[in-house]
């Protein structure tokens, strides 16, 4: 993901390891034979550069990860550090109109939500979707409730996100209506069409309102203008069931788009042993689930990314829906599976050739094209003071020095930390190291004259250029 351009992905779906502390392997003889991944995380696997980058770019997140070391299982910290560095990249490459769907389960969903709050912002949390995979038999309930659902955390990058209600609207099955729908649409006309009667009075009544007038002998403040009311009456859409009753609107069931889902999805079952789409991959998700997510948060031609694509279900679903897509996985089996699954479904021999020519395997990371050849990331070298430590200054690195200051202020009830100086430079790491070697220091604080420190920071880059 570090090789992908910023702000170029429309939708990201990720189904990462769940921190189950075990190894998953596809069975021998299955389509996914050879695919495996380790869902085991240890602190020694955490790379030092991950924590350095998180500390510099996401100070609140760094404090969260530091605090998590003493909470729960000892490998929670390692798992969350592994996820954090990847989610930071997801946020960078996502368009402002884009969304992220993170698939997890109750093992780590509560930790991951805080992680996403830090990176994408609490205000950009949209839904916690509960996907019921199976209906567990009663025999599994002897010691508690069934564990038959996953969690999908949905976030956007901004308030200007794409969302399509029709993708989460289930059309009514008129041959097999549920009892609730039958009770709601309990009337039928002469043609046998089901309908319900709904109110057309305004929630607030006012004699002075332009919408207050008489209809069928009843004066009310209505929802509609008088002109529209007359039109609806002429079309037979407004009725008075009995003289003296308030007129109501007829709403036909067959004219409704369908039933809009809530955040609990129970209509998409997990893949059973006989399903045609089954590959044998141990954590395979159904195509219907991915197709719903892709349709809800992207348009035809948009770019979809799955950074843990596994058996390539996201890639297949995106191809079905005419989206562009990128899949990333540690196993080459993902590439083999997306080819097998798409060619297996292709009815036209020309489709086979199309997939062979358009699905590309890359084993080297891509190279960004939104930066110059000699581009180097720039960060701030900052100098922070506190009145309790005269003559001592914290010299550090931050992508956003205001966030860094705020992180310090949270530990001081009087908020007396002060930013004395900031310098944006591509030589941020070299500059910080130079200052700490030039002045006496203790616990990341340096001792010296403030003017000399700031002059030395500015002078270092000029000396390197010379």
Protein backbone atom coordinates (compact mmCIF):
# COMPACT_ATOMS: atom_id res chain seq x y z
CA UNK A 1 0.00 0.00 0.00
CA UNK A 2 2.94 2.35 0.52
CA UNK A 3 3.46 2.22 -3.27
CA UNK A 4 -0.14 3.25 -4.07
CA UNK A 5 -0.88 6.90 -4.83
CA UNK A 6 -2.72 9.00 -2.24
CA UNK A 7 -6.46 9.61 -2.65
CA UNK A 8 -7.05 7.11 -5.46
CA UNK A 9 -9.14 4.29 -3.94
CA UNK A 10 -12.95 4.55 -3.80
CA UNK A 11 -13.69 1.66 -1.43
CA UNK A 12 -11.60 -0.55 0.86
CA UNK A 13 -12.86 -3.82 2.29
CA UNK A 14 -10.52 -5.74 4.54
CA UNK A 15 -11.01 -9.07 6.24
CA UNK A 16 -7.73 -9.33 8.19
CA UNK A 17 -6.65 -11.97 10.70
CA UNK A 18 -8.83 -11.84 13.83
CA UNK A 19 -6.05 -12.44 16.41
CA UNK A 20 -7.30 -15.97 17.07
CA UNK A 21 -3.80 -17.16 18.03
CA UNK A 22 -3.87 -20.09 15.61
CA UNK A 23 -2.85 -21.06 12.08
CA UNK A 24 -5.38 -21.48 9.25
CA UNK A 25 -4.77 -23.90 6.35
CA UNK A 26 -6.96 -24.80 3.37
CA UNK A 27 -7.69 -28.55 3.16
CA UNK A 28 -5.83 -30.78 0.69
CA UNK A 29 -7.84 -31.31 -2.48
CA UNK A 30 -9.71 -28.02 -2.27
CA UNK A 31 -9.41 -25.21 -4.82
CA UNK A 32 -7.50 -23.20 -2.22
CA UNK A 33 -5.03 -25.98 -1.39
CA UNK A 34 -1.72 -24.42 -0.39
CA UNK A 35 -3.28 -21.28 1.04
CA UNK A 36 -2.51 -20.66 4.68
CA UNK A 37 -1.98 -17.79 7.07
CA UNK A 38 -0.82 -17.45 10.62
CA UNK A 39 -3.21 -15.63 12.95
CA UNK A 40 -0.54 -15.49 15.65
CA UNK A 41 1.03 -12.22 16.78
CA UNK A 42 3.96 -11.69 19.12
CA UNK A 43 5.61 -8.47 20.30
CA UNK A 44 8.94 -9.45 18.76
CA UNK A 45 7.21 -9.39 15.34
CA UNK A 46 6.42 -5.68 15.67
CA UNK A 47 8.85 -3.67 13.57
CA UNK A 48 10.49 -0.70 15.28
CA UNK A 49 9.85 1.55 12.28
CA UNK A 50 6.08 0.94 12.64
CA UNK A 51 6.09 2.41 16.13
CA UNK A 52 8.36 5.29 15.11
CA UNK A 53 6.00 6.23 12.26
CA UNK A 54 2.92 5.92 14.48
CA UNK A 55 4.50 8.06 17.21
CA UNK A 56 5.42 10.78 14.71
CA UNK A 57 2.23 10.77 12.65
CA UNK A 58 -0.50 9.59 15.04
CA UNK A 59 0.36 10.64 18.61
CA UNK A 60 -3.10 9.80 20.01
CA UNK A 61 -2.93 6.38 18.41
CA UNK A 62 0.56 5.86 19.84
CA UNK A 63 -0.72 6.59 23.35
CA UNK A 64 -3.55 4.12 22.81
CA UNK A 65 -1.18 1.37 21.69
CA UNK A 66 1.17 2.08 24.58
CA UNK A 67 -1.70 1.78 27.04
CA UNK A 68 -3.00 -1.42 25.47
CA UNK A 69 0.18 -3.27 26.48
CA UNK A 70 -1.24 -3.75 29.96
CA UNK A 71 -4.75 -4.73 28.86
CA UNK A 72 -5.98 -8.20 27.94
CA UNK A 73 -3.82 -10.81 26.26
CA UNK A 74 -0.13 -9.93 25.84
CA UNK A 75 -0.31 -10.31 22.04
CA UNK A 76 -3.10 -7.73 21.64
CA UNK A 77 -0.52 -4.95 21.36
CA UNK A 78 1.36 -6.75 18.59
CA UNK A 79 -1.83 -7.38 16.63
CA UNK A 80 -3.03 -3.79 16.95
CA UNK A 81 0.36 -2.35 15.94
CA UNK A 82 0.27 -4.65 12.89
CA UNK A 83 -3.21 -3.38 12.00
CA UNK A 84 -2.53 0.28 12.82
CA UNK A 85 0.31 0.77 10.35
CA UNK A 86 -1.84 -0.75 7.59
CA UNK A 87 -4.95 1.27 8.44
CA UNK A 88 -2.88 4.48 8.34
CA UNK A 89 -1.99 3.62 4.73
CA UNK A 90 -5.64 2.76 3.98
CA UNK A 91 -6.62 6.22 5.16
CA UNK A 92 -3.94 7.88 3.00
CA UNK A 93 -4.87 6.15 -0.26
CA UNK A 94 -8.65 6.47 0.21
CA UNK A 95 -10.49 9.23 -1.66
CA UNK A 96 -12.36 11.84 0.38
CA UNK A 97 -15.62 10.31 -0.88
CA UNK A 98 -14.46 6.80 -0.02
CA UNK A 99 -15.39 4.28 2.68
CA UNK A 100 -13.67 1.51 4.62
CA UNK A 101 -15.37 -1.70 5.75
CA UNK A 102 -13.32 -3.65 8.29
CA UNK A 103 -14.55 -7.22 8.83
CA UNK A 104 -13.76 -8.69 12.26
CA UNK A 105 -15.41 -10.54 15.12
CA UNK A 106 -15.88 -9.90 18.87
CA UNK A 107 -12.33 -11.13 19.57
CA UNK A 108 -10.90 -7.72 18.64
CA UNK A 109 -13.77 -5.60 17.28
CA UNK A 110 -13.85 -3.33 20.35
CA UNK A 111 -10.09 -2.68 20.12
CA UNK A 112 -10.22 -2.14 16.36
CA UNK A 113 -13.02 0.40 16.64
CA UNK A 114 -10.86 2.61 18.88
CA UNK A 115 -8.02 2.15 16.39
CA UNK A 116 -10.27 3.37 13.56
CA UNK A 117 -11.55 6.25 15.71
CA UNK A 118 -7.94 7.44 16.12
CA UNK A 119 -7.06 7.13 12.43
CA UNK A 120 -10.27 8.08 10.60
CA UNK A 121 -11.95 10.11 13.34
CA UNK A 122 -14.88 9.31 15.60
CA UNK A 123 -17.15 11.57 13.53
CA UNK A 124 -16.54 9.39 10.47
CA UNK A 125 -17.88 6.22 12.10
CA UNK A 126 -21.03 5.22 10.21
CA UNK A 127 -22.17 1.74 11.24
CA UNK A 128 -21.36 -1.36 13.19
CA UNK A 129 -22.89 -4.02 10.96
CA UNK A 130 -23.62 -7.39 12.54
CA UNK A 131 -23.55 -10.19 9.98
CA UNK A 132 -25.20 -13.38 11.18
CA UNK A 133 -23.25 -16.17 9.51
CA UNK A 134 -25.30 -19.15 10.68
CA UNK A 135 -28.27 -20.09 12.83
CA UNK A 136 -26.67 -22.18 15.56
CA UNK A 137 -28.39 -25.29 16.79
CA UNK A 138 -29.75 -25.43 20.31
CA UNK A 139 -27.15 -28.00 21.30
CA UNK A 140 -24.52 -25.25 21.20
CA UNK A 141 -26.39 -23.10 23.71
CA UNK A 142 -25.84 -25.23 26.81
CA UNK A 143 -23.22 -22.86 28.22
CA UNK A 144 -24.29 -19.54 26.76
CA UNK A 145 -25.56 -17.73 23.69
CA UNK A 146 -24.56 -18.72 20.18
CA UNK A 147 -21.43 -17.21 18.64
CA UNK A 148 -22.77 -17.02 15.11
CA UNK A 149 -22.03 -13.48 13.93
CA UNK A 150 -19.21 -11.26 12.70
CA UNK A 151 -18.84 -7.49 12.93
CA UNK A 152 -18.21 -5.14 9.98
CA UNK A 153 -17.10 -1.63 11.01
CA UNK A 154 -18.02 0.96 8.39
CA UNK A 155 -16.17 4.30 8.30
CA UNK A 156 -15.97 7.09 5.73
CA UNK A 157 -13.02 9.42 5.16
CA UNK A 158 -15.21 12.54 5.31
CA UNK A 159 -18.83 13.69 5.42
CA UNK A 160 -18.87 13.71 1.62
CA UNK A 161 -19.13 9.94 1.23
CA UNK A 162 -20.92 7.83 -1.38
CA UNK A 163 -23.90 5.82 -0.12
CA UNK A 164 -26.60 4.04 -2.14
CA UNK A 165 -29.73 3.17 -0.20
CA UNK A 166 -31.03 0.90 -2.95
CA UNK A 167 -28.14 -1.50 -2.35
CA UNK A 168 -29.44 -2.24 1.15
CA UNK A 169 -33.11 -2.34 0.14
CA UNK A 170 -34.51 -5.87 -0.24
CA UNK A 171 -37.41 -6.13 -2.73
CA UNK A 172 -40.60 -7.64 -1.35
CA UNK A 173 -41.32 -11.26 -2.23
CA UNK A 174 -45.03 -10.95 -3.00
CA UNK A 175 -45.46 -14.73 -3.11
CA UNK A 176 -44.12 -15.14 0.41
CA UNK A 177 -44.74 -12.00 2.47
CA UNK A 178 -43.77 -12.02 6.11
CA UNK A 179 -46.42 -11.48 8.77
CA UNK A 180 -45.17 -8.01 9.69
CA UNK A 181 -45.51 -6.75 6.10
CA UNK A 182 -48.94 -8.34 5.74
CA UNK A 183 -50.12 -6.62 8.91
CA UNK A 184 -48.70 -3.29 7.77
CA UNK A 185 -50.29 -3.48 4.31
CA UNK A 186 -53.52 -5.00 5.56
CA UNK A 187 -55.97 -3.53 3.01
CA UNK A 188 -56.69 -4.72 -0.54
CA UNK A 189 -58.46 -2.94 -3.38
CA UNK A 190 -60.84 -4.45 -5.97
CA UNK A 191 -57.84 -5.67 -7.99
CA UNK A 192 -56.31 -7.44 -4.98
CA UNK A 193 -53.45 -4.93 -4.54
CA UNK A 194 -52.25 -4.59 -0.96
CA UNK A 195 -52.04 -1.11 0.55
CA UNK A 196 -51.79 0.76 3.83
CA UNK A 197 -53.37 4.05 4.92
CA UNK A 198 -50.88 6.66 6.12
CA UNK A 199 -51.26 10.07 7.69
CA UNK A 200 -51.01 13.21 5.54
CA UNK A 201 -51.41 15.72 8.38
CA UNK A 202 -48.39 17.81 9.33
CA UNK A 203 -46.70 17.04 12.67
CA UNK A 204 -47.23 20.66 13.78
CA UNK A 205 -50.67 22.24 13.44
CA UNK A 206 -50.93 25.99 12.79
CA UNK A 207 -53.95 28.06 11.79
CA UNK A 208 -51.65 30.63 10.14
CA UNK A 209 -49.87 28.08 7.93
CA UNK A 210 -50.37 28.16 4.14
CA UNK A 211 -50.86 24.41 4.38
CA UNK A 212 -53.92 24.76 6.61
CA UNK A 213 -57.11 24.26 4.60
CA UNK A 214 -60.23 22.06 4.37
CA UNK A 215 -60.21 18.60 2.80
CA UNK A 216 -63.40 16.50 2.71
CA UNK A 217 -64.93 18.57 5.50
CA UNK A 218 -61.84 18.35 7.73
CA UNK A 219 -59.58 21.35 8.36
CA UNK A 220 -56.01 20.53 9.26
CA UNK A 221 -52.44 21.61 8.55
CA UNK A 222 -51.44 19.12 5.84
CA UNK A 223 -48.10 17.85 4.57
CA UNK A 224 -48.92 18.81 0.98
CA UNK A 225 -49.88 21.97 -0.88
CA UNK A 226 -53.53 22.35 -1.85
CA UNK A 227 -52.65 21.80 -5.52
CA UNK A 228 -50.95 18.50 -4.82
CA UNK A 229 -53.77 17.43 -2.50
CA UNK A 230 -56.31 17.99 -5.29
CA UNK A 231 -54.15 15.97 -7.69
CA UNK A 232 -53.82 13.04 -5.27
CA UNK A 233 -57.57 13.04 -4.59
CA UNK A 234 -58.29 13.00 -8.33
CA UNK A 235 -55.92 10.01 -8.69
CA UNK A 236 -57.77 8.14 -5.95
CA UNK A 237 -54.78 8.26 -3.58
CA UNK A 238 -56.56 10.09 -0.74
CA UNK A 239 -59.58 8.52 0.94
CA UNK A 240 -61.89 9.18 3.84
CA UNK A 241 -62.89 5.84 5.34
CA UNK A 242 -65.94 7.33 7.07
CA UNK A 243 -67.62 10.73 7.20
CA UNK A 244 -65.88 12.82 9.83
CA UNK A 245 -62.65 10.82 9.73
CA UNK A 246 -59.39 12.53 8.78
CA UNK A 247 -58.49 11.77 5.12
CA UNK A 248 -55.49 9.50 4.63
CA UNK A 249 -53.14 8.51 1.83
CA UNK A 250 -53.17 5.13 0.07
CA UNK A 251 -49.70 3.58 -0.27
CA UNK A 252 -49.55 0.43 -2.41
CA UNK A 253 -47.08 -2.29 -1.47
CA UNK A 254 -46.17 -3.06 -5.09
CA UNK A 255 -45.02 0.55 -5.55
CA UNK A 256 -42.52 0.43 -2.69
CA UNK A 257 -38.85 -0.25 -3.40
CA UNK A 258 -38.65 -2.85 -0.68
CA UNK A 259 -37.57 -3.28 2.91
CA UNK A 260 -34.48 -1.28 3.92
CA UNK A 261 -32.04 -3.24 6.04
CA UNK A 262 -30.91 -2.16 9.47
CA UNK A 263 -27.40 -2.83 10.79
CA UNK A 264 -28.15 -6.50 11.54
CA UNK A 265 -27.87 -8.59 8.37
CA UNK A 266 -29.49 -12.01 8.66
CA UNK A 267 -30.33 -12.68 5.01
CA UNK A 268 -26.88 -13.73 3.73
CA UNK A 269 -25.84 -17.18 4.99
CA UNK A 270 -22.25 -18.37 5.27
CA UNK A 271 -20.94 -20.61 2.49
CA UNK A 272 -22.06 -24.22 3.00
CA UNK A 273 -20.15 -27.33 1.97
CA UNK A 274 -22.13 -27.73 -1.28
CA UNK A 275 -21.96 -24.12 -2.48
CA UNK A 276 -20.60 -23.65 -6.01
CA UNK A 277 -18.48 -20.68 -4.92
CA UNK A 278 -16.79 -22.64 -2.13
CA UNK A 279 -13.00 -22.86 -2.56
CA UNK A 280 -12.00 -24.43 0.73
CA UNK A 281 -10.26 -21.28 1.92
CA UNK A 282 -10.68 -21.37 5.73
CA UNK A 283 -12.18 -17.87 6.18
CA UNK A 284 -13.98 -17.43 2.85
CA UNK A 285 -16.85 -14.92 2.83
CA UNK A 286 -19.90 -15.17 0.53
CA UNK A 287 -20.01 -13.22 -2.71
CA UNK A 288 -23.43 -11.81 -1.80
CA UNK A 289 -21.96 -10.04 1.24
CA UNK A 290 -19.20 -8.37 -0.78
CA UNK A 291 -21.54 -7.48 -3.63
CA UNK A 292 -23.86 -5.68 -1.22
CA UNK A 293 -20.98 -3.68 0.30
CA UNK A 294 -19.52 -2.78 -3.10
CA UNK A 295 -22.91 -1.71 -4.48
CA UNK A 296 -23.65 0.40 -1.39
CA UNK A 297 -20.42 2.40 -1.43
CA UNK A 298 -19.12 2.57 -5.02
CA UNK A 299 -20.08 3.27 -8.62
CA UNK A 300 -19.43 1.34 -11.81
CA UNK A 301 -15.77 1.80 -12.79
CA UNK A 302 -14.62 2.75 -9.28
CA UNK A 303 -11.43 1.31 -7.77
CA UNK A 304 -11.88 -1.28 -5.00
CA UNK A 305 -9.03 -2.48 -2.76
CA UNK A 306 -8.81 -5.56 -0.55
CA UNK A 307 -5.46 -5.60 1.31
CA UNK A 308 -6.12 -9.11 2.72
CA UNK A 309 -7.81 -10.63 -0.32
CA UNK A 310 -7.30 -14.32 0.61
CA UNK A 311 -9.42 -16.34 -1.83
CA UNK A 312 -10.18 -13.17 -3.83
CA UNK A 313 -13.91 -12.91 -3.09
CA UNK A 314 -13.72 -9.09 -3.14
CA UNK A 315 -11.94 -9.19 -6.50
CA UNK A 316 -14.54 -11.54 -8.01
CA UNK A 317 -17.44 -9.47 -6.65
CA UNK A 318 -15.88 -6.26 -7.98
CA UNK A 319 -15.40 -7.84 -11.42
CA UNK A 320 -19.04 -8.98 -11.47
CA UNK A 321 -20.12 -5.41 -10.72
CA UNK A 322 -17.82 -3.82 -13.33
CA UNK A 323 -15.46 -2.16 -10.87
CA UNK A 324 -11.69 -1.93 -11.09
CA UNK A 325 -9.95 -3.75 -8.28
CA UNK A 326 -6.67 -4.44 -6.50
CA UNK A 327 -6.12 -7.47 -4.28
CA UNK A 328 -3.15 -7.85 -1.95
CA UNK A 329 -2.15 -11.06 -0.19
CA UNK A 330 0.95 -12.78 1.16
CA UNK A 331 0.13 -15.94 -0.83
CA UNK A 332 0.25 -16.34 -4.61
CA UNK A 333 -2.77 -18.63 -4.20
CA UNK A 334 -4.97 -15.53 -4.22
CA UNK A 335 -3.91 -14.87 -7.83
CA UNK A 336 -4.56 -18.48 -8.83
CA UNK A 337 -7.97 -18.45 -7.19
CA UNK A 338 -9.23 -15.24 -8.79
CA UNK A 339 -8.30 -16.67 -12.21
CA UNK A 340 -9.96 -20.01 -11.48
CA UNK A 341 -13.11 -18.48 -10.07
CA UNK A 342 -13.61 -16.00 -12.91
CA UNK A 343 -12.80 -18.41 -15.73
CA UNK A 344 -15.04 -21.07 -14.16
CA UNK A 345 -17.97 -18.66 -14.37
CA UNK A 346 -17.17 -17.40 -17.89
CA UNK A 347 -19.72 -18.66 -20.42
CA UNK A 348 -18.06 -17.04 -23.46
CA UNK A 349 -14.60 -18.37 -24.51
CA UNK A 350 -13.62 -14.76 -25.24
CA UNK A 351 -14.09 -14.01 -21.53
CA UNK A 352 -11.37 -16.51 -20.70
CA UNK A 353 -8.92 -14.62 -22.91
CA UNK A 354 -10.05 -11.31 -21.42
CA UNK A 355 -9.28 -12.46 -17.88
CA UNK A 356 -5.88 -13.85 -18.90
CA UNK A 357 -4.97 -10.50 -20.45
CA UNK A 358 -6.35 -8.17 -17.80
CA UNK A 359 -5.58 -9.85 -14.45
CA UNK A 360 -1.95 -9.16 -13.62
CA UNK A 361 0.26 -10.61 -10.90
CA UNK A 362 2.82 -8.27 -9.35
CA UNK A 363 5.24 -9.57 -6.75
CA UNK A 364 7.08 -6.25 -6.28
CA UNK A 365 5.36 -3.30 -4.59
CA UNK A 366 4.09 -0.63 -7.01
CA UNK A 367 5.81 2.75 -7.27
CA UNK A 368 3.89 5.91 -6.59
CA UNK A 369 3.42 8.26 -9.53
CA UNK A 370 1.99 11.20 -7.55
CA UNK A 371 5.45 12.20 -6.33
CA UNK A 372 8.62 13.38 -8.03
CA UNK A 373 11.54 11.03 -8.56
CA UNK A 374 13.55 12.73 -5.81
CA UNK A 375 10.58 13.15 -3.47
CA UNK A 376 11.25 12.89 0.25
CA UNK A 377 8.57 13.06 2.87
CA UNK A 378 8.66 16.22 4.99
CA UNK A 379 7.87 16.37 8.70
CA UNK A 380 8.22 18.94 11.45
CA UNK A 381 11.09 19.00 13.91
CA UNK A 382 9.53 20.72 16.92
CA UNK A 383 10.73 22.25 20.17
CA UNK A 384 8.33 22.07 23.14
CA UNK A 385 8.82 23.62 26.58
CA UNK A 386 7.19 23.39 30.00
CA UNK A 387 7.61 25.94 32.84
CA UNK A 388 8.49 23.20 35.34
CA UNK A 389 11.59 22.32 33.28
CA UNK A 390 13.46 25.61 32.65
CA UNK A 391 16.33 25.27 30.21
CA UNK A 392 15.04 21.89 28.98
CA UNK A 393 13.22 21.31 25.70
CA UNK A 394 11.59 18.34 24.04
CA UNK A 395 12.94 18.08 20.51
CA UNK A 396 11.03 15.58 18.40
CA UNK A 397 9.36 14.80 15.07
CA UNK A 398 5.70 15.10 14.11
CA UNK A 399 3.68 15.09 10.91
CA UNK A 400 1.22 17.40 12.67
CA UNK A 401 2.84 19.38 15.49
CA UNK A 402 -0.56 20.58 16.79
CA UNK A 403 -1.62 16.98 17.41
CA UNK A 404 1.69 16.32 19.13
CA UNK A 405 1.18 19.34 21.40
CA UNK A 406 -2.34 18.20 22.21
CA UNK A 407 -1.00 14.75 23.14
CA UNK A 408 1.37 16.40 25.64
CA UNK A 409 -1.38 18.66 27.01
CA UNK A 410 -3.56 15.69 27.94
CA UNK A 411 -1.00 14.75 30.61
CA UNK A 412 -1.02 18.25 32.12
CA UNK A 413 -4.29 19.48 33.73
CA UNK A 414 -3.14 23.10 33.34
CA UNK A 415 -2.10 22.58 29.69
CA UNK A 416 1.18 24.46 30.15
CA UNK A 417 3.16 22.78 27.39
CA UNK A 418 4.12 25.27 24.69
CA UNK A 419 5.49 24.88 21.16
CA UNK A 420 8.50 27.17 20.91
CA UNK A 421 9.59 26.35 17.37
CA UNK A 422 8.75 24.15 14.36
CA UNK A 423 10.75 23.47 11.22
CA UNK A 424 9.38 21.50 8.23
CA UNK A 425 12.16 19.50 6.59
CA UNK A 426 12.80 16.31 4.60
CA UNK A 427 15.80 15.73 6.88
CA UNK A 428 13.64 15.42 9.98
CA UNK A 429 15.18 12.22 11.33
CA UNK A 430 18.74 13.33 10.68
CA UNK A 431 18.05 16.74 12.25
CA UNK A 432 16.57 15.27 15.43
CA UNK A 433 19.52 12.91 15.80
CA UNK A 434 21.95 15.78 15.26
CA UNK A 435 20.35 17.98 17.97
CA UNK A 436 20.38 15.14 20.49
CA UNK A 437 24.04 14.55 19.78
CA UNK A 438 24.88 18.27 20.03
CA UNK A 439 23.20 19.11 23.36
CA UNK A 440 23.08 17.27 26.70
CA UNK A 441 19.88 15.22 26.81
CA UNK A 442 17.89 13.06 29.16
CA UNK A 443 14.71 11.11 28.44
CA UNK A 444 14.37 12.77 25.00
CA UNK A 445 14.65 16.28 26.48
CA UNK A 446 17.70 18.37 25.61
CA UNK A 447 19.33 21.01 27.79
CA UNK A 448 20.55 24.29 26.38
CA UNK A 449 19.75 27.78 25.19
CA UNK A 450 16.52 27.91 23.16
CA UNK A 451 17.99 30.22 20.52
CA UNK A 452 21.02 27.98 20.04
CA UNK A 453 18.78 24.93 19.70
CA UNK A 454 16.51 26.53 17.07
CA UNK A 455 19.48 27.98 15.17
CA UNK A 456 21.08 24.53 15.12
CA UNK A 457 17.89 22.97 13.72
CA UNK A 458 17.67 25.53 10.90
CA UNK A 459 21.39 25.41 10.28
CA UNK A 460 21.58 21.63 9.89
CA UNK A 461 19.55 21.54 6.67
CA UNK A 462 21.46 24.51 5.24
CA UNK A 463 24.77 22.83 6.02
CA UNK A 464 23.63 19.64 4.23
CA UNK A 465 22.57 21.62 1.15
CA UNK A 466 25.94 23.38 1.08
